[in-house]
Amino acid sequence: MECNENDTVLSFVAEWHDPHSQLLKQYLLIYHVKSKECEMNDLKTRRKFLKKTTTTLDHSDFIKGNVILLLSRKLKLVDYADKATRKLLEDKEERMTILVTPSLNGSMADIVMSIEREDFALVDIKSLRFTSSDDINEAMQLLPGMELQDLSSSPFVALTFRGSDSIASVRTLVESSPFCKGVACPREGEEQEFSDFFLNQHRLTTATFEDCSLCIIRPHVIKERLFGQVYNDILAREFIITAIQMFRLDKETAAEFLAVYKGVFPQYIELVDEMSSGSLIALEVKRDSNFTGDVVEDFRAEAGPWDFSVACELQPQSIRAKFGRNSVANAIHCTDLPKDGVIECEYFFKVLAGRHALN
C-alpha cells in the first residue's frame, strides 16, 4: 500500500507540551492522505479534540519521531497508533548518512540528484569543519584512510537520506558512482554513530558572514525531491556556497523572519504557512574574490521576480520560473537588500543554529 492511495489513513500517538499547565498531553492524531485533513482525540479524556480540519501537511511529514506544526501547536509523533500505519511506514524510515569531502563539494548536486531520483528523501544536511584535535582524531576513527591534512580542509558536507532499505541502497549508489572516492559512507553497524558525530548541531558554522546573500530552499522543493536540481542550478550560475544547513521553522519563527513583508506582500499569511510547512535549507551564497559587483543584487536577479507568473513570462530561465509552483511556493527566498545579506545569514547560521543546538 502506498501513501498516495485515495483511502490511506495514517494514525499516530502525538504529544504536545501545554505551556500553561506545563503538562505533556497525548492525542490520537489521524491524517487523511487524499484530503490532507487531520483530526485528533484526547487519549486521556477520550474526547474529540479536533474535528476534521484541512491542513498544509503532506504525508511525508508523518514520520515517527518527527515534530509537526498543526494549528500553531508543535506536536511530536511519538509512536504509531495502529498496526496498519506501522506496516505502511516503518520500513520507509531507515536512514543513511554520508559525508561529502571538500574535493567533491562542486559535485555534491550530482550526488544528491542521483539519490533523490531513487526516491530517497533528504532529511538532514549540514556543512561542517573540524576545529579540535579530539574532533579530528574521532573523525579519523570513522573515516579509515582519510589523511590528517584532508580533515583540516573545509567545508565537508554531511547528508542524511530516508527511505526503504536506505542503508544498503544509498551505499550501493555511492559506491557505483564516479564520485565514490570523495564520498564517505559509515562502516556496517556504525551508521548511527556516524550520523550523530558528523551532524552534531554543536559544530561551528562554516558561514563567513562577509559579502554574502542568504538563499532559502523552500519546503516544497525538498518534499518534491528537487533540492539537488535547484542546488545544481545555483552552482551553474557560478555562485559559491560557503555554508549549508537544514532547519525546521515554527510559525512564530517564520513570521519573525518574514515580518518585513507583512502588509506589503498580499499572501503574507500563506507565505508564513509555507515556510513553516516542512524542512527548509539555508545557504550562504557568495561570488569568488574576483567578482566586483554586489552578490545580493546579483543573486536576486538570478532568482527572478517573486511573482511566479511574472517570472515565467519575463524571466523563464530564472530559478523561480524553473522550480516554483506559484507565488508562495516559488522555490527560493533570497535576500532583497544589499545591507541585509550578512544580517540574514547571521539570523540563520548564528541565531537559529544556536537555538537548534540547544533543543
Protein backbone atom coordinates (compact mmCIF):
# COMPACT_ATOMS: atom_id res chain seq x y z
CA MET A 1 0.00 0.00 0.00
CA GLU A 2 1.34 3.44 -0.97
CA CYS A 3 0.70 6.72 0.79
CA ASN A 4 -0.89 8.26 -2.29
CA GLU A 5 -3.77 5.81 -2.32
CA ASN A 6 -7.15 7.51 -2.05
CA ASP A 7 -8.23 5.77 1.15
CA THR A 8 -4.96 5.86 3.10
CA VAL A 9 -5.27 6.98 6.73
CA LEU A 10 -2.24 7.42 8.99
CA SER A 11 -2.63 7.17 12.78
CA PHE A 12 -0.08 8.36 15.34
CA VAL A 13 0.23 8.95 19.04
CA ALA A 14 1.18 12.63 19.28
CA GLU A 15 2.47 14.59 22.27
CA TRP A 16 2.02 18.29 22.96
CA HIS A 17 3.57 20.26 25.81
CA ASP A 18 0.91 22.61 27.20
CA PRO A 19 2.79 25.80 28.18
CA HIS A 20 0.03 26.88 30.57
CA SER A 21 -0.43 23.72 32.63
CA GLN A 22 3.16 22.53 31.97
CA LEU A 23 1.68 19.10 31.24
CA LEU A 24 2.60 16.73 28.43
CA LYS A 25 -0.65 15.76 26.73
CA GLN A 26 -1.16 12.82 24.37
CA TYR A 27 -3.52 12.62 21.42
CA LEU A 28 -4.59 10.18 18.76
CA LEU A 29 -3.74 12.04 15.57
CA ILE A 30 -5.39 10.81 12.36
CA TYR A 31 -4.26 12.10 8.95
CA HIS A 32 -6.26 11.52 5.76
CA VAL A 33 -3.76 11.44 2.92
CA LYS A 34 -6.05 12.30 -0.01
CA SER A 35 -7.81 15.28 1.60
CA LYS A 36 -4.86 16.35 3.81
CA GLU A 37 -7.29 16.52 6.75
CA CYS A 38 -6.31 15.95 10.37
CA GLU A 39 -8.45 15.03 13.36
CA MET A 40 -7.42 14.49 16.98
CA ASN A 41 -8.77 12.76 20.08
CA ASP A 42 -7.52 13.37 23.61
CA LEU A 43 -6.22 9.99 24.78
CA LYS A 44 -6.84 10.74 28.46
CA THR A 45 -10.41 12.05 28.26
CA ARG A 46 -11.34 10.07 25.13
CA ARG A 47 -12.96 13.21 23.78
CA LYS A 48 -12.72 14.71 20.32
CA PHE A 49 -10.10 17.48 20.46
CA LEU A 50 -10.07 18.48 16.79
CA LYS A 51 -12.67 17.80 14.14
CA LYS A 52 -11.56 17.03 10.59
CA THR A 53 -9.57 20.07 9.52
CA THR A 54 -7.81 20.70 6.21
CA THR A 55 -4.08 21.33 6.67
CA THR A 56 -1.00 22.13 4.60
CA LEU A 57 0.72 18.99 5.91
CA ASP A 58 1.94 16.34 3.48
CA HIS A 59 2.08 12.60 4.07
CA SER A 60 5.89 12.87 4.01
CA ASP A 61 5.67 14.92 7.24
CA PHE A 62 4.29 11.93 9.11
CA ILE A 63 7.37 10.17 10.38
CA LYS A 64 7.78 8.58 13.80
CA GLY A 65 9.80 10.98 15.93
CA ASN A 66 9.09 13.98 13.71
CA VAL A 67 7.68 17.27 15.04
CA ILE A 68 4.83 18.74 13.01
CA LEU A 69 3.08 22.09 13.29
CA LEU A 70 -0.69 21.88 13.47
CA LEU A 71 -2.79 24.96 14.28
CA SER A 72 0.25 26.66 15.86
CA ARG A 73 0.92 23.65 18.10
CA LYS A 74 4.15 21.66 17.91
CA LEU A 75 3.19 18.00 18.05
CA LYS A 76 5.74 15.22 18.34
CA LEU A 77 4.78 11.94 16.68
CA VAL A 78 5.97 9.55 19.36
CA ASP A 79 4.57 6.26 18.04
CA TYR A 80 2.32 4.59 15.51
CA ALA A 81 -1.26 4.28 16.74
CA ASP A 82 -2.21 1.17 14.77
CA LYS A 83 -0.69 -1.81 13.00
CA ALA A 84 -1.70 -0.57 9.54
CA THR A 85 0.30 2.66 9.90
CA ARG A 86 3.28 0.77 11.32
CA LYS A 87 3.25 -1.72 8.45
CA LEU A 88 2.95 1.05 5.86
CA LEU A 89 5.66 3.36 7.16
CA GLU A 90 8.15 1.57 9.39
CA ASP A 91 10.41 0.20 6.68
CA LYS A 92 10.44 3.58 4.92
CA GLU A 93 12.05 5.34 7.86
CA GLU A 94 15.50 3.78 7.65
CA ARG A 95 18.19 6.48 7.41
CA MET A 96 21.67 6.65 5.92
CA THR A 97 24.21 9.45 6.41
CA ILE A 98 27.07 10.13 4.00
CA LEU A 99 29.90 12.65 4.09
CA VAL A 100 30.99 14.62 1.02
CA THR A 101 34.64 15.68 1.20
CA PRO A 102 35.85 19.19 0.22
CA SER A 103 37.30 17.90 -3.05
CA LEU A 104 33.79 16.99 -4.22
CA ASN A 105 31.77 19.95 -2.97
CA GLY A 106 31.29 21.13 -6.57
CA SER A 107 29.83 17.72 -7.47
CA MET A 108 27.52 17.44 -4.46
CA ALA A 109 24.48 18.35 -6.56
CA ASP A 110 25.12 15.37 -8.85
CA ILE A 111 25.40 13.08 -5.82
CA VAL A 112 22.15 14.36 -4.31
CA MET A 113 20.28 14.19 -7.63
CA SER A 114 21.32 10.56 -8.16
CA ILE A 115 19.96 9.62 -4.72
CA GLU A 116 16.78 11.73 -4.94
CA ARG A 117 15.99 10.13 -8.32
CA GLU A 118 15.70 6.82 -6.47
CA ASP A 119 13.02 8.47 -4.28
CA PHE A 120 15.11 8.77 -1.11
CA ALA A 121 14.22 11.87 0.88
CA LEU A 122 16.89 14.29 2.06
CA VAL A 123 16.11 14.74 5.78
CA ASP A 124 19.24 16.49 7.07
CA ILE A 125 22.22 18.36 5.69
CA LYS A 126 24.95 20.48 7.28
CA SER A 127 28.32 21.86 6.23
CA LEU A 128 30.98 21.36 8.89
CA ARG A 129 34.58 21.88 9.83
CA PHE A 130 36.81 20.10 12.31
CA THR A 131 38.18 22.53 14.88
CA SER A 132 40.00 20.49 17.51
CA SER A 133 42.49 17.65 17.68
CA ASP A 134 39.92 15.48 19.52
CA ASP A 135 37.42 16.17 16.75
CA ILE A 136 39.93 15.21 14.06
CA ASN A 137 41.01 12.06 15.91
CA GLU A 138 37.41 10.87 16.28
CA ALA A 139 36.72 11.65 12.63
CA MET A 140 39.75 9.61 11.58
CA GLN A 141 38.34 6.63 13.51
CA LEU A 142 35.11 6.87 11.49
CA LEU A 143 36.87 7.64 8.20
CA PRO A 144 39.53 4.96 7.63
CA GLY A 145 42.05 6.05 5.04
CA MET A 146 41.41 9.76 5.47
CA GLU A 147 44.60 11.79 5.90
CA LEU A 148 45.05 14.43 8.62
CA GLN A 149 45.56 17.21 6.08
CA ASP A 150 42.32 16.23 4.36
CA LEU A 151 40.40 16.64 7.61
CA SER A 152 41.85 20.12 8.10
CA SER A 153 40.15 21.23 4.89
CA SER A 154 36.76 22.94 4.94
CA PRO A 155 33.93 22.51 4.42
CA PHE A 156 32.74 18.93 4.48
CA VAL A 157 29.01 18.32 3.99
CA ALA A 158 27.07 15.62 5.86
CA LEU A 159 23.74 14.48 4.38
CA THR A 160 21.11 12.06 5.64
CA PHE A 161 18.62 10.31 3.38
CA ARG A 162 15.50 8.38 4.42
CA GLY A 163 13.68 5.59 2.63
CA SER A 164 13.13 1.86 2.35
CA ASP A 165 16.40 -0.06 2.67
CA SER A 166 18.28 3.25 2.52
CA ILE A 167 21.43 1.98 4.25
CA ALA A 168 22.18 -0.64 1.62
CA SER A 169 20.71 1.26 -1.34
CA VAL A 170 22.44 4.60 -0.73
CA ARG A 171 25.72 2.80 -0.09
CA THR A 172 25.36 0.99 -3.43
CA LEU A 173 24.51 4.24 -5.25
CA VAL A 174 27.57 5.96 -3.79
CA GLU A 175 29.96 3.06 -4.42
CA SER A 176 28.84 2.70 -8.03
CA SER A 177 29.06 6.44 -8.80
CA PRO A 178 32.02 8.26 -10.39
CA PHE A 179 32.33 10.22 -7.12
CA CYS A 180 32.86 7.20 -4.86
CA LYS A 181 36.37 8.23 -3.78
CA GLY A 182 35.15 11.57 -2.48
CA VAL A 183 32.10 10.36 -0.55
CA ALA A 184 32.44 8.56 2.78
CA CYS A 185 29.90 6.03 3.99
CA PRO A 186 29.81 4.55 7.50
CA ARG A 187 31.10 1.08 8.11
CA GLU A 188 28.39 -1.50 8.63
CA GLY A 189 26.99 -1.24 12.14
CA GLU A 190 28.31 2.30 12.66
CA GLU A 191 25.54 4.15 10.80
CA GLN A 192 24.05 5.84 13.90
CA GLU A 193 27.43 6.77 15.39
CA PHE A 194 28.49 8.23 12.03
CA SER A 195 25.33 10.34 11.82
CA ASP A 196 25.49 11.53 15.42
CA PHE A 197 29.10 12.65 15.05
CA PHE A 198 29.02 14.44 11.70
CA LEU A 199 25.59 16.04 12.16
CA ASN A 200 26.32 17.22 15.69
CA GLN A 201 24.42 20.52 15.97
CA HIS A 202 27.07 22.00 18.29
CA ARG A 203 29.61 22.22 15.49
CA LEU A 204 30.67 25.69 14.42
CA THR A 205 29.17 27.00 11.23
CA THR A 206 31.20 27.27 8.04
CA ALA A 207 29.48 30.59 7.22
CA THR A 208 31.83 33.53 6.62
CA PHE A 209 29.33 36.40 7.16
CA GLU A 210 31.17 38.51 4.59
CA ASP A 211 29.96 39.72 1.17
CA CYS A 212 27.15 37.18 1.15
CA SER A 213 23.49 36.64 0.40
CA LEU A 214 21.06 34.22 2.01
CA CYS A 215 19.17 31.70 -0.08
CA ILE A 216 16.46 29.53 1.44
CA ILE A 217 15.36 26.44 -0.43
CA ARG A 218 11.65 26.25 0.35
CA PRO A 219 9.97 23.19 1.92
CA HIS A 220 8.05 22.24 -1.24
CA VAL A 221 11.32 21.78 -3.15
CA ILE A 222 12.66 19.34 -0.56
CA LYS A 223 9.37 17.40 -0.44
CA GLU A 224 9.42 17.14 -4.24
CA ARG A 225 12.97 15.67 -4.17
CA LEU A 226 14.25 18.65 -6.20
CA PHE A 227 16.91 20.03 -3.87
CA GLY A 228 19.73 18.54 -5.94
CA GLN A 229 18.40 20.16 -9.12
CA VAL A 230 17.99 23.59 -7.52
CA TYR A 231 21.43 23.40 -5.90
CA ASN A 232 22.94 22.38 -9.24
CA ASP A 233 21.22 25.31 -10.95
CA ILE A 234 22.67 27.76 -8.41
CA LEU A 235 26.20 26.38 -8.90
CA ALA A 236 25.78 26.52 -12.68
CA ARG A 237 25.27 30.28 -12.32
CA GLU A 238 28.78 30.40 -10.79
CA PHE A 239 27.77 31.14 -7.23
CA ILE A 240 29.75 29.65 -4.35
CA ILE A 241 28.05 28.01 -1.36
CA THR A 242 30.07 28.52 1.83
CA ALA A 243 27.54 27.22 4.37
CA ILE A 244 24.51 24.97 4.27
CA GLN A 245 22.13 23.69 6.95
CA MET A 246 18.61 22.28 7.21
CA PHE A 247 16.12 23.94 9.56
CA ARG A 248 12.50 23.42 10.59
CA LEU A 249 10.75 26.68 11.49
CA ASP A 250 7.65 27.01 13.61
CA LYS A 251 5.10 29.67 12.67
CA GLU A 252 6.41 32.18 15.18
CA THR A 253 9.96 31.96 13.84
CA ALA A 254 8.81 32.09 10.21
CA ALA A 255 6.68 35.17 10.99
CA GLU A 256 9.63 36.77 12.78
CA PHE A 257 11.91 36.29 9.78
CA LEU A 258 9.28 37.41 7.27
CA ALA A 259 7.95 40.35 9.32
CA VAL A 260 9.25 42.87 6.78
CA TYR A 261 6.74 41.52 4.22
CA LYS A 262 3.70 41.90 6.49
CA GLY A 263 1.37 44.45 4.97
CA VAL A 264 3.47 44.50 1.80
CA PHE A 265 3.05 41.00 0.36
CA PRO A 266 -0.68 40.22 -0.08
CA GLN A 267 -0.15 36.50 0.63
CA TYR A 268 1.90 37.05 3.77
CA ILE A 269 -0.09 34.56 5.89
CA GLU A 270 0.22 31.87 3.21
CA LEU A 271 3.94 32.65 2.96
CA VAL A 272 4.41 32.07 6.69
CA ASP A 273 2.41 28.83 6.44
CA GLU A 274 4.56 27.59 3.55
CA MET A 275 7.83 28.50 5.27
CA SER A 276 6.76 26.54 8.36
CA SER A 277 5.22 23.60 6.47
CA GLY A 278 8.34 21.44 6.45
CA SER A 279 12.11 21.40 6.46
CA LEU A 280 13.96 24.10 4.53
CA ILE A 281 17.62 24.52 3.65
CA ALA A 282 19.58 27.73 4.20
CA LEU A 283 22.59 28.56 2.03
CA GLU A 284 25.22 31.28 2.42
CA VAL A 285 25.79 32.37 -1.18
CA LYS A 286 28.91 34.20 -2.40
CA ARG A 287 30.85 35.03 -5.55
CA ASP A 288 34.57 34.41 -5.99
CA SER A 289 37.12 37.01 -4.95
CA ASN A 290 37.36 38.46 -8.49
CA PHE A 291 33.70 39.50 -8.52
CA THR A 292 33.33 43.29 -8.35
CA GLY A 293 29.53 43.65 -8.08
CA ASP A 294 27.13 43.08 -5.20
CA VAL A 295 26.31 39.42 -4.60
CA VAL A 296 22.89 40.20 -3.08
CA GLU A 297 21.71 42.11 -6.16
CA ASP A 298 23.31 39.56 -8.48
CA PHE A 299 21.67 36.57 -6.81
CA ARG A 300 18.30 38.34 -6.59
CA ALA A 301 18.44 38.92 -10.35
CA GLU A 302 19.14 35.23 -10.97
CA ALA A 303 16.32 34.22 -8.60
CA GLY A 304 13.81 36.14 -10.73
CA PRO A 305 10.62 38.01 -9.80
CA TRP A 306 8.79 36.94 -6.65
CA ASP A 307 5.53 36.59 -8.59
CA PHE A 308 5.71 33.18 -10.25
CA SER A 309 3.62 34.09 -13.30
CA VAL A 310 5.73 37.21 -13.91
CA ALA A 311 8.92 35.18 -13.53
CA CYS A 312 7.68 32.63 -16.09
CA GLU A 313 6.74 35.34 -18.58
CA LEU A 314 9.66 37.74 -18.22
CA GLN A 315 12.49 35.54 -16.94
CA PRO A 316 11.69 31.93 -17.86
CA GLN A 317 15.26 30.83 -17.11
CA SER A 318 15.27 32.27 -13.58
CA ILE A 319 15.39 29.93 -10.59
CA ARG A 320 11.81 30.73 -9.53
CA ALA A 321 10.41 30.23 -13.02
CA LYS A 322 12.17 26.87 -13.38
CA PHE A 323 11.37 25.39 -9.98
CA GLY A 324 8.48 27.40 -8.50
CA ARG A 325 4.85 26.32 -8.37
CA ASN A 326 3.13 29.63 -7.55
CA SER A 327 3.92 32.96 -5.89
CA VAL A 328 4.06 31.37 -2.42
CA ALA A 329 5.77 28.10 -3.31
CA ASN A 330 8.26 29.89 -5.55
CA ALA A 331 11.27 27.62 -4.90
CA ILE A 332 13.56 30.01 -3.02
CA HIS A 333 13.77 33.03 -0.79
CA CYS A 334 16.72 35.35 -1.34
CA THR A 335 17.97 38.48 0.39
CA ASP A 336 16.38 41.61 -1.08
CA LEU A 337 18.68 44.44 0.05
CA PRO A 338 22.50 44.51 -0.06
CA LYS A 339 22.70 45.67 3.56
CA ASP A 340 20.70 42.61 4.70
CA GLY A 341 22.92 39.86 3.26
CA VAL A 342 25.11 39.41 6.32
CA ILE A 343 22.17 40.05 8.70
CA GLU A 344 20.02 37.29 7.19
CA CYS A 345 22.92 34.82 7.11
CA GLU A 346 23.66 35.58 10.76
CA TYR A 347 19.99 35.06 11.64
CA PHE A 348 20.06 31.51 10.31
CA PHE A 349 23.64 30.37 10.85
CA LYS A 350 24.13 32.05 14.25
CA VAL A 351 20.76 32.74 15.89
CA LEU A 352 18.66 29.81 14.65
CA ALA A 353 21.60 27.40 14.57
CA GLY A 354 22.24 28.33 18.20
CA ARG A 355 18.63 27.63 19.15
CA HIS A 356 18.78 24.39 17.20
CA ALA A 357 21.85 23.26 19.16
CA LEU A 358 20.05 23.90 22.47
CA ASN A 359 17.00 21.79 21.58
